[in-house]
Amino acid sequence: AAESFNAILKKELVNRKVHSARDHAIRDVTAWTGSRCDHERLHSAIDYRTPDQVDTGWRQQHKAAA
């Protein structure tokens, strides 16, 4: 899963842009992973839902059990 994530990150962000400083690259990667991965990208390993949807469901399920 990590190799797949890194490949997508490189393909969609890193290889498309030249960053003037390391700090700029870190900010871009952080923004990309925080917004895109958790809210938009569907994953086959979790029944084609986003990680955000899975996390929300898990939290609701455990909140109701407590």
N, C-alpha and C. Protein backbone atom coordinates (compact mmCIF):
# COMPACT_ATOMS: atom_id res chain seq x y z
N ALA A 1 0.82 -1.20 0.00
CA ALA A 1 0.00 0.00 0.00
C ALA A 1 0.87 1.26 0.00
N ALA A 2 1.96 1.23 0.74
CA ALA A 2 2.84 2.41 0.81
C ALA A 2 3.50 2.69 -0.53
N GLU A 3 3.90 1.63 -1.23
CA GLU A 3 4.52 1.83 -2.55
C GLU A 3 3.53 2.43 -3.53
N SER A 4 2.29 1.98 -3.47
CA SER A 4 1.25 2.52 -4.35
C SER A 4 1.00 3.98 -4.04
N PHE A 5 0.92 4.32 -2.76
CA PHE A 5 0.71 5.70 -2.35
C PHE A 5 1.85 6.58 -2.85
N ASN A 6 3.08 6.14 -2.66
CA ASN A 6 4.23 6.93 -3.10
C ASN A 6 4.24 7.11 -4.60
N ALA A 7 3.86 6.10 -5.35
CA ALA A 7 3.82 6.20 -6.80
C ALA A 7 2.79 7.23 -7.25
N ILE A 8 1.63 7.22 -6.64
CA ILE A 8 0.58 8.19 -6.98
C ILE A 8 1.03 9.60 -6.62
N LEU A 9 1.61 9.75 -5.45
CA LEU A 9 2.09 11.06 -5.02
C LEU A 9 3.12 11.61 -6.00
N LYS A 10 4.07 10.80 -6.38
CA LYS A 10 5.10 11.24 -7.33
C LYS A 10 4.49 11.59 -8.68
N LYS A 11 3.59 10.73 -9.16
CA LYS A 11 2.98 10.94 -10.47
C LYS A 11 2.13 12.21 -10.51
N GLU A 12 1.32 12.42 -9.49
CA GLU A 12 0.36 13.52 -9.50
C GLU A 12 0.90 14.85 -9.00
N LEU A 13 1.96 14.83 -8.19
CA LEU A 13 2.42 16.08 -7.61
C LEU A 13 3.91 16.35 -7.85
N VAL A 14 4.73 15.46 -7.40
CA VAL A 14 6.17 15.72 -7.38
C VAL A 14 6.75 15.86 -8.79
N ASN A 15 6.41 14.96 -9.68
CA ASN A 15 6.98 14.99 -11.03
C ASN A 15 6.41 16.09 -11.92
N ARG A 16 5.35 16.72 -11.51
CA ARG A 16 4.71 17.76 -12.33
C ARG A 16 5.17 19.17 -12.00
N LYS A 17 5.94 19.35 -10.94
CA LYS A 17 6.25 20.69 -10.49
C LYS A 17 7.69 20.78 -9.99
N VAL A 18 8.32 21.90 -10.26
CA VAL A 18 9.66 22.16 -9.73
C VAL A 18 9.49 23.12 -8.55
N HIS A 19 9.99 22.71 -7.40
CA HIS A 19 9.87 23.53 -6.20
C HIS A 19 11.15 24.33 -6.00
N SER A 20 10.99 25.57 -5.60
CA SER A 20 12.15 26.44 -5.42
C SER A 20 12.88 26.18 -4.11
N ALA A 21 12.20 25.60 -3.15
CA ALA A 21 12.83 25.32 -1.86
C ALA A 21 12.19 24.07 -1.26
N ARG A 22 12.93 23.43 -0.40
CA ARG A 22 12.45 22.21 0.24
C ARG A 22 11.18 22.48 1.05
N ASP A 23 11.13 23.62 1.73
CA ASP A 23 9.94 23.98 2.51
C ASP A 23 8.69 24.07 1.64
N HIS A 24 8.83 24.58 0.44
CA HIS A 24 7.69 24.69 -0.48
C HIS A 24 7.22 23.30 -0.89
N ALA A 25 8.15 22.42 -1.15
CA ALA A 25 7.80 21.05 -1.52
C ALA A 25 7.08 20.35 -0.37
N ILE A 26 7.58 20.53 0.83
CA ILE A 26 6.94 19.91 2.00
C ILE A 26 5.52 20.43 2.18
N ARG A 27 5.32 21.72 2.02
CA ARG A 27 3.97 22.30 2.14
C ARG A 27 3.03 21.74 1.08
N ASP A 28 3.51 21.64 -0.17
CA ASP A 28 2.68 21.10 -1.24
C ASP A 28 2.29 19.65 -0.98
N VAL A 29 3.25 18.84 -0.57
CA VAL A 29 2.97 17.42 -0.31
C VAL A 29 2.02 17.28 0.88
N THR A 30 2.22 18.05 1.91
CA THR A 30 1.34 18.00 3.08
C THR A 30 -0.09 18.41 2.71
N ALA A 31 -0.22 19.46 1.95
CA ALA A 31 -1.56 19.90 1.53
C ALA A 31 -2.22 18.86 0.64
N TRP A 32 -1.46 18.26 -0.27
CA TRP A 32 -2.00 17.25 -1.18
C TRP A 32 -2.48 16.03 -0.41
N THR A 33 -1.65 15.53 0.50
CA THR A 33 -2.04 14.33 1.24
C THR A 33 -3.20 14.61 2.19
N GLY A 34 -3.21 15.77 2.80
CA GLY A 34 -4.28 16.09 3.74
C GLY A 34 -5.62 16.29 3.09
N SER A 35 -5.64 16.88 1.92
CA SER A 35 -6.93 17.17 1.29
C SER A 35 -7.38 16.08 0.33
N ARG A 36 -6.50 15.61 -0.50
CA ARG A 36 -6.89 14.68 -1.56
C ARG A 36 -7.06 13.25 -1.08
N CYS A 37 -6.12 12.76 -0.36
CA CYS A 37 -6.15 11.34 0.01
C CYS A 37 -7.29 10.99 0.94
N ASP A 38 -7.54 11.81 1.92
CA ASP A 38 -8.54 11.46 2.91
C ASP A 38 -9.96 11.77 2.49
N HIS A 39 -10.13 12.63 1.51
CA HIS A 39 -11.49 13.07 1.20
C HIS A 39 -11.97 12.68 -0.20
N GLU A 40 -11.08 12.42 -1.12
CA GLU A 40 -11.50 12.19 -2.50
C GLU A 40 -11.16 10.82 -3.06
N ARG A 41 -9.98 10.33 -2.78
CA ARG A 41 -9.51 9.12 -3.43
C ARG A 41 -10.17 7.87 -2.85
N LEU A 42 -10.80 7.09 -3.72
CA LEU A 42 -11.45 5.85 -3.31
C LEU A 42 -10.41 4.73 -3.31
N HIS A 43 -10.52 3.84 -2.35
CA HIS A 43 -9.56 2.76 -2.21
C HIS A 43 -10.26 1.41 -2.30
N SER A 44 -9.75 0.54 -3.15
CA SER A 44 -10.36 -0.77 -3.33
C SER A 44 -10.25 -1.62 -2.08
N ALA A 45 -9.20 -1.44 -1.30
CA ALA A 45 -9.00 -2.25 -0.10
C ALA A 45 -10.03 -1.96 0.99
N ILE A 46 -10.71 -0.84 0.90
CA ILE A 46 -11.74 -0.49 1.90
C ILE A 46 -13.09 -0.26 1.21
N ASP A 47 -13.41 -1.19 0.30
CA ASP A 47 -14.70 -1.20 -0.39
C ASP A 47 -15.01 0.08 -1.15
N TYR A 48 -14.01 0.62 -1.80
CA TYR A 48 -14.15 1.82 -2.63
C TYR A 48 -14.77 2.99 -1.88
N ARG A 49 -14.28 3.17 -0.66
CA ARG A 49 -14.63 4.33 0.13
C ARG A 49 -13.36 5.12 0.38
N THR A 50 -13.52 6.36 0.82
CA THR A 50 -12.35 7.16 1.14
C THR A 50 -11.90 6.83 2.56
N PRO A 51 -10.62 7.04 2.87
CA PRO A 51 -10.17 6.82 4.24
C PRO A 51 -10.95 7.66 5.25
N ASP A 52 -11.35 8.85 4.84
CA ASP A 52 -12.13 9.72 5.72
C ASP A 52 -13.48 9.08 6.06
N GLN A 53 -14.13 8.48 5.08
CA GLN A 53 -15.41 7.82 5.32
C GLN A 53 -15.24 6.63 6.26
N VAL A 54 -14.19 5.86 6.06
CA VAL A 54 -13.94 4.70 6.90
C VAL A 54 -13.65 5.14 8.34
N ASP A 55 -12.84 6.18 8.49
CA ASP A 55 -12.52 6.68 9.81
C ASP A 55 -13.76 7.20 10.53
N THR A 56 -14.59 7.96 9.82
CA THR A 56 -15.82 8.48 10.42
C THR A 56 -16.74 7.36 10.86
N GLY A 57 -16.90 6.34 10.02
CA GLY A 57 -17.73 5.19 10.37
C GLY A 57 -17.20 4.45 11.57
N TRP A 58 -15.89 4.26 11.62
CA TRP A 58 -15.27 3.57 12.75
C TRP A 58 -15.50 4.34 14.05
N ARG A 59 -15.32 5.65 13.98
CA ARG A 59 -15.51 6.47 15.19
C ARG A 59 -16.96 6.44 15.67
N GLN A 60 -17.90 6.50 14.74
CA GLN A 60 -19.32 6.45 15.11
C GLN A 60 -19.68 5.11 15.73
N GLN A 61 -19.13 4.05 15.16
CA GLN A 61 -19.41 2.71 15.66
C GLN A 61 -18.86 2.53 17.08
N HIS A 62 -17.66 3.04 17.33
CA HIS A 62 -17.07 2.88 18.65
C HIS A 62 -17.65 3.87 19.66
N LYS A 63 -18.15 4.99 19.18
CA LYS A 63 -18.80 5.95 20.07
C LYS A 63 -20.11 5.36 20.59
N ALA A 64 -20.85 4.69 19.69
CA ALA A 64 -22.13 4.10 20.08
C ALA A 64 -21.93 2.93 21.05
N ALA A 65 -20.81 2.23 20.91
CA ALA A 65 -20.53 1.07 21.77
C ALA A 65 -20.11 1.50 23.18
N ALA A 66 -19.59 2.71 23.28
CA ALA A 66 -19.08 3.17 24.60
C ALA A 66 -20.16 3.66 25.52
